[in-house]
PDB file of N, CA and C in Angstrom:
ATOM      1  N   MET A   1       2.032  -9.160 -11.073  1.00  0.00           N
ATOM      2  CA  MET A   1       2.284  -8.367  -9.799  1.00  0.00           C
ATOM      3  C   MET A   1       1.878  -6.881 -10.435  1.00  0.00           C
ATOM      4  N   ASP A   2       1.195  -6.250  -9.814  1.00  0.00           N
ATOM      5  CA  ASP A   2       1.044  -5.043 -10.312  1.00  0.00           C
ATOM      6  C   ASP A   2       1.875  -3.956  -9.761  1.00  0.00           C
ATOM      7  N   GLY A   3       2.634  -4.283  -8.361  1.00  0.00           N
ATOM      8  CA  GLY A   3       3.294  -2.918  -8.155  1.00  0.00           C
ATOM      9  C   GLY A   3       4.251  -3.662  -6.906  1.00  0.00           C
ATOM     10  N   SER A   4       5.308  -3.260  -6.278  1.00  0.00           N
ATOM     11  CA  SER A   4       6.112  -3.680  -5.288  1.00  0.00           C
ATOM     12  C   SER A   4       6.737  -2.633  -4.840  1.00  0.00           C
ATOM     13  N   TYR A   5       7.139  -2.744  -3.786  1.00  0.00           N
ATOM     14  CA  TYR A   5       8.217  -1.749  -2.933  1.00  0.00           C
ATOM     15  C   TYR A   5       9.363  -2.898  -1.769  1.00  0.00           C
ATOM     16  N   GLU A   6      10.259  -1.861  -1.698  1.00  0.00           N
ATOM     17  CA  GLU A   6      11.512  -2.694  -1.086  1.00  0.00           C
ATOM     18  C   GLU A   6      12.015  -1.493  -0.256  1.00  0.00           C
ATOM     19  N   ALA A   7      12.488  -1.769   0.697  1.00  0.00           N
ATOM     20  CA  ALA A   7      13.344  -0.907   1.756  1.00  0.00           C
ATOM     21  C   ALA A   7      14.581  -1.543   2.305  1.00  0.00           C
ATOM     22  N   ASP A   8      15.343  -0.854   2.591  1.00  0.00           N
ATOM     23  CA  ASP A   8      16.717  -1.367   2.705  1.00  0.00           C
ATOM     24  C   ASP A   8      17.506  -1.924   1.911  1.00  0.00           C
ATOM     25  N   LEU A   9      17.493  -1.633   0.729  1.00  0.00           N
ATOM     26  CA  LEU A   9      18.030  -2.385  -0.596  1.00  0.00           C
ATOM     27  C   LEU A   9      19.495  -1.892  -0.761  1.00  0.00           C
ATOM     28  N   ARG A  10      20.454  -2.633  -1.001  1.00  0.00           N
ATOM     29  CA  ARG A  10      21.701  -2.649  -1.498  1.00  0.00           C
ATOM     30  C   ARG A  10      21.708  -1.889  -2.939  1.00  0.00           C
ATOM     31  N   PRO A  11      22.943  -0.535  -3.158  1.00  0.00           N
ATOM     32  CA  PRO A  11      23.007   0.113  -4.387  1.00  0.00           C
ATOM     33  C   PRO A  11      22.797  -0.861  -5.367  1.00  0.00           C
ATOM     34  N   TRP A  12      23.600  -2.153  -5.865  1.00  0.00           N
ATOM     35  CA  TRP A  12      23.198  -2.825  -7.000  1.00  0.00           C
ATOM     36  C   TRP A  12      22.071  -3.487  -7.011  1.00  0.00           C
ATOM     37  N   ASP A  13      21.265  -3.584  -6.112  1.00  0.00           N
ATOM     38  CA  ASP A  13      19.846  -4.256  -6.099  1.00  0.00           C
ATOM     39  C   ASP A  13      18.965  -3.142  -6.704  1.00  0.00           C
ATOM     40  N   HIS A  14      19.070  -2.130  -6.174  1.00  0.00           N
ATOM     41  CA  HIS A  14      18.125  -0.702  -6.754  1.00  0.00           C
ATOM     42  C   HIS A  14      18.438  -0.759  -8.032  1.00  0.00           C
ATOM     43  N   ALA A  15      19.803  -0.458  -8.108  1.00  0.00           N
ATOM     44  CA  ALA A  15      20.124  -0.015  -9.903  1.00  0.00           C
ATOM     45  C   ALA A  15      19.550  -1.071 -10.410  1.00  0.00           C
ATOM     46  N   ALA A  16      19.967  -2.159 -10.396  1.00  0.00           N
ATOM     47  CA  ALA A  16      19.284  -3.069 -11.386  1.00  0.00           C
ATOM     48  C   ALA A  16      17.934  -3.157 -11.552  1.00  0.00           C
ATOM     49  N   GLY A  17      17.176  -3.494 -10.413  1.00  0.00           N
ATOM     50  CA  GLY A  17      15.826  -3.802 -10.418  1.00  0.00           C
ATOM     51  C   GLY A  17      14.870  -2.421 -11.072  1.00  0.00           C
ATOM     52  N   ALA A  18      15.862  -0.844 -10.593  1.00  0.00           N
ATOM     53  CA  ALA A  18      14.975   0.164 -10.584  1.00  0.00           C
ATOM     54  C   ALA A  18      15.089   0.282 -12.722  1.00  0.00           C
ATOM     55  N   LEU A  19      16.392  -0.121 -13.244  1.00  0.00           N
ATOM     56  CA  LEU A  19      16.543  -0.253 -14.550  1.00  0.00           C
ATOM     57  C   LEU A  19      15.775  -1.022 -14.899  1.00  0.00           C
ATOM     58  N   ILE A  20      15.459  -2.267 -14.978  1.00  0.00           N
ATOM     59  CA  ILE A  20      14.733  -2.977 -15.751  1.00  0.00           C
ATOM     60  C   ILE A  20      13.179  -2.547 -15.540  1.00  0.00           C
ATOM     61  N   ALA A  21      12.425  -2.262 -14.280  1.00  0.00           N
ATOM     62  CA  ALA A  21      11.426  -1.840 -14.594  1.00  0.00           C
ATOM     63  C   ALA A  21      10.965  -0.668 -15.033  1.00  0.00           C
ATOM     64  N   GLN A  22      11.972   0.366 -14.950  1.00  0.00           N
ATOM     65  CA  GLN A  22      11.904   1.752 -16.230  1.00  0.00           C
ATOM     66  C   GLN A  22      11.874   1.034 -17.377  1.00  0.00           C
ATOM     67  N   GLU A  23      12.899   0.193 -17.999  1.00  0.00           N
ATOM     68  CA  GLU A  23      12.846  -0.045 -19.262  1.00  0.00           C
ATOM     69  C   GLU A  23      11.616  -0.926 -19.583  1.00  0.00           C
ATOM     70  N   ALA A  24      10.779  -1.273 -18.559  1.00  0.00           N
ATOM     71  CA  ALA A  24       9.849  -2.026 -19.119  1.00  0.00           C
ATOM     72  C   ALA A  24       8.178  -1.204 -19.059  1.00  0.00           C
ATOM     73  N   GLY A  25       8.582   0.175 -18.807  1.00  0.00           N
ATOM     74  CA  GLY A  25       7.650   0.962 -18.713  1.00  0.00           C
ATOM     75  C   GLY A  25       6.948   1.345 -17.194  1.00  0.00           C
ATOM     76  N   ALA A  26       7.583   0.747 -16.369  1.00  0.00           N
ATOM     77  CA  ALA A  26       7.248   0.967 -15.103  1.00  0.00           C
ATOM     78  C   ALA A  26       7.523   2.389 -14.649  1.00  0.00           C
ATOM     79  N   TRP A  27       6.927   3.293 -13.565  1.00  0.00           N
ATOM     80  CA  TRP A  27       6.785   4.175 -12.493  1.00  0.00           C
ATOM     81  C   TRP A  27       7.830   3.742 -11.539  1.00  0.00           C
ATOM     82  N   VAL A  28       8.806   4.350 -11.207  1.00  0.00           N
ATOM     83  CA  VAL A  28       9.524   4.030 -10.003  1.00  0.00           C
ATOM     84  C   VAL A  28       9.867   5.362  -9.272  1.00  0.00           C
ATOM     85  N   GLY A  29       9.741   5.440  -7.826  1.00  0.00           N
ATOM     86  CA  GLY A  29       9.929   6.293  -7.487  1.00  0.00           C
ATOM     87  C   GLY A  29      10.375   6.051  -5.593  1.00  0.00           C
ATOM     88  N   GLY A  30      10.389   7.291  -5.096  1.00  0.00           N
ATOM     89  CA  GLY A  30      10.690   6.284  -3.836  1.00  0.00           C
ATOM     90  C   GLY A  30       9.955   7.294  -2.663  1.00  0.00           C
ATOM     91  N   ALA A  31      10.427   7.598  -1.856  1.00  0.00           N
ATOM     92  CA  ALA A  31       9.512   8.560  -0.164  1.00  0.00           C
ATOM     93  C   ALA A  31       9.560  10.198  -1.106  1.00  0.00           C
ATOM     94  N   PRO A  32       7.989  10.946  -0.872  1.00  0.00           N
ATOM     95  CA  PRO A  32       8.207  11.795  -0.875  1.00  0.00           C
ATOM     96  C   PRO A  32       9.028  13.185  -0.779  1.00  0.00           C
ATOM     97  N   GLY A  33      10.141  13.676  -2.082  1.00  0.00           N
ATOM     98  CA  GLY A  33      11.023  14.526  -1.335  1.00  0.00           C
ATOM     99  C   GLY A  33      12.344  13.777  -1.630  1.00  0.00           C
ATOM    100  N   ALA A  34      12.590  12.528  -1.856  1.00  0.00           N
ATOM    101  CA  ALA A  34      13.660  11.646  -2.242  1.00  0.00           C
ATOM    102  C   ALA A  34      13.308  10.876  -3.070  1.00  0.00           C
ATOM    103  N   GLN A  35      14.472  10.534  -3.773  1.00  0.00           N
ATOM    104  CA  GLN A  35      15.101   9.605  -5.216  1.00  0.00           C
ATOM    105  C   GLN A  35      14.580   8.061  -4.521  1.00  0.00           C
ATOM    106  N   PRO A  36      14.447   7.249  -5.580  1.00  0.00           N
ATOM    107  CA  PRO A  36      14.342   5.964  -5.407  1.00  0.00           C
ATOM    108  C   PRO A  36      15.504   5.355  -4.696  1.00  0.00           C
ATOM    109  N   GLY A  37      15.871   5.000  -3.611  1.00  0.00           N
ATOM    110  CA  GLY A  37      17.108   4.155  -3.351  1.00  0.00           C
ATOM    111  C   GLY A  37      17.088   3.083  -2.390  1.00  0.00           C
ATOM    112  N   GLY A  38      18.135   3.137  -1.599  1.00  0.00           N
ATOM    113  CA  GLY A  38      18.134   2.249  -0.608  1.00  0.00           C
ATOM    114  C   GLY A  38      17.075   2.165   0.348  1.00  0.00           C
ATOM    115  N   ALA A  39      16.405   3.521   0.917  1.00  0.00           N
ATOM    116  CA  ALA A  39      15.533   3.523   2.156  1.00  0.00           C
ATOM    117  C   ALA A  39      14.303   3.050   1.434  1.00  0.00           C
ATOM    118  N   LEU A  40      14.132   3.400   0.305  1.00  0.00           N
ATOM    119  CA  LEU A  40      12.630   2.916  -0.155  1.00  0.00           C
ATOM    120  C   LEU A  40      12.209   3.141  -1.864  1.00  0.00           C
ATOM    121  N   THR A  41      12.134   2.307  -2.131  1.00  0.00           N
ATOM    122  CA  THR A  41      12.206   2.345  -3.808  1.00  0.00           C
ATOM    123  C   THR A  41      10.433   1.556  -3.970  1.00  0.00           C
ATOM    124  N   LEU A  42       9.617   2.082  -4.879  1.00  0.00           N
ATOM    125  CA  LEU A  42       8.958   1.756  -5.375  1.00  0.00           C
ATOM    126  C   LEU A  42       8.655   1.232  -6.799  1.00  0.00           C
ATOM    127  N   ALA A  43       7.716   0.512  -7.140  1.00  0.00           N
ATOM    128  CA  ALA A  43       8.018   0.312  -8.844  1.00  0.00           C
ATOM    129  C   ALA A  43       6.469  -0.199  -9.214  1.00  0.00           C
ATOM    130  N   CYS A  44       5.636   0.086  -9.942  1.00  0.00           N
ATOM    131  CA  CYS A  44       4.304  -0.109 -10.469  1.00  0.00           C
ATOM    132  C   CYS A  44       3.812   0.636 -11.895  1.00  0.00           C
ATOM    133  N   ALA A  45       2.587  -0.067 -12.551  1.00  0.00           N
ATOM    134  CA  ALA A  45       2.388   0.899 -13.396  1.00  0.00           C
ATOM    135  C   ALA A  45       2.023   2.197 -13.326  1.00  0.00           C
ATOM    136  N   PRO A  46       2.178   2.868 -13.969  1.00  0.00           N
ATOM    137  CA  PRO A  46       2.013   4.545 -13.709  1.00  0.00           C
ATOM    138  C   PRO A  46       0.821   4.701 -13.301  1.00  0.00           C
ATOM    139  N   ALA A  47      -0.180   4.267 -13.672  1.00  0.00           N
ATOM    140  CA  ALA A  47      -1.468   4.410 -13.352  1.00  0.00           C
ATOM    141  C   ALA A  47      -1.555   4.154 -11.666  1.00  0.00           C
ATOM    142  N   LEU A  48      -0.967   3.465 -11.355  1.00  0.00           N
ATOM    143  CA  LEU A  48      -0.995   2.520 -10.023  1.00  0.00           C
ATOM    144  C   LEU A  48      -0.064   3.738  -8.757  1.00  0.00           C
ATOM    145  N   ALA A  49       0.560   4.327  -9.418  1.00  0.00           N
ATOM    146  CA  ALA A  49       1.367   5.133  -8.445  1.00  0.00           C
ATOM    147  C   ALA A  49       0.992   5.732  -6.984  1.00  0.00           C
ATOM    148  N   ASP A  50       0.238   6.731  -7.362  1.00  0.00           N
ATOM    149  CA  ASP A  50      -0.340   7.551  -6.035  1.00  0.00           C
ATOM    150  C   ASP A  50      -1.050   6.171  -5.067  1.00  0.00           C
ATOM    151  N   GLY A  51      -1.941   4.962  -5.407  1.00  0.00           N
ATOM    152  CA  GLY A  51      -2.372   4.004  -4.619  1.00  0.00           C
ATOM    153  C   GLY A  51      -1.154   3.527  -3.964  1.00  0.00           C
ATOM    154  N   LEU A  52      -0.232   3.342  -4.535  1.00  0.00           N
ATOM    155  CA  LEU A  52       1.034   2.382  -4.103  1.00  0.00           C
ATOM    156  C   LEU A  52       1.743   3.008  -2.831  1.00  0.00           C
ATOM    157  N   ARG A  53       1.834   4.633  -3.431  1.00  0.00           N
ATOM    158  CA  ARG A  53       2.361   5.298  -2.266  1.00  0.00           C
ATOM    159  C   ARG A  53       1.467   5.513  -1.039  1.00  0.00           C
ATOM    160  N   ALA A  54       0.190   5.682  -1.246  1.00  0.00           N
ATOM    161  CA  ALA A  54      -0.635   5.912  -0.326  1.00  0.00           C
ATOM    162  C   ALA A  54      -0.751   4.097   0.454  1.00  0.00           C
ATOM    163  N   LEU A  55      -0.661   3.566  -0.190  1.00  0.00           N
ATOM    164  CA  LEU A  55      -0.723   2.171   0.914  1.00  0.00           C
ATOM    165  C   LEU A  55       0.644   1.759   1.698  1.00  0.00           C
ATOM    166  N   VAL A  56       1.777   2.015   1.169  1.00  0.00           N
ATOM    167  CA  VAL A  56       3.097   1.930   2.088  1.00  0.00           C
ATOM    168  C   VAL A  56       3.179   2.867   2.565  1.00  0.00           C
ATOM    169  N   GLY A  57       2.430   4.290   2.869  1.00  0.00           N
ATOM    170  CA  GLY A  57       2.507   5.470   3.595  1.00  0.00           C
ATOM    171  C   GLY A  57       3.999   6.075   3.027  1.00  0.00           C
ATOM    172  N   ALA A  58       3.978   6.421   2.134  1.00  0.00           N
ATOM    173  CA  ALA A  58       5.075   7.082   1.359  1.00  0.00           C
ATOM    174  C   ALA A  58       4.559   8.324   0.791  1.00  0.00           C
ATOM    175  N   GLU A  59       3.088   8.833   1.354  1.00  0.00           N
ATOM    176  CA  GLU A  59       3.008  10.236   0.449  1.00  0.00           C
ATOM    177  C   GLU A  59       2.963  11.725   1.575  1.00  0.00           C
TER     178      GLU A  59
END
């Protein structure tokens, strides 16, 4: 899998997933102007971040 996005996450799901992704070298972000969190979390290879944000309408 090259990228993933999730919405409506519980805090424990976001914390665990974001930590694992970041430790593996992934970019983890959220909607523009917001931190990744329960509303929207995106994770992917750093080079794919802009494309993933565009695909899910998070630009």
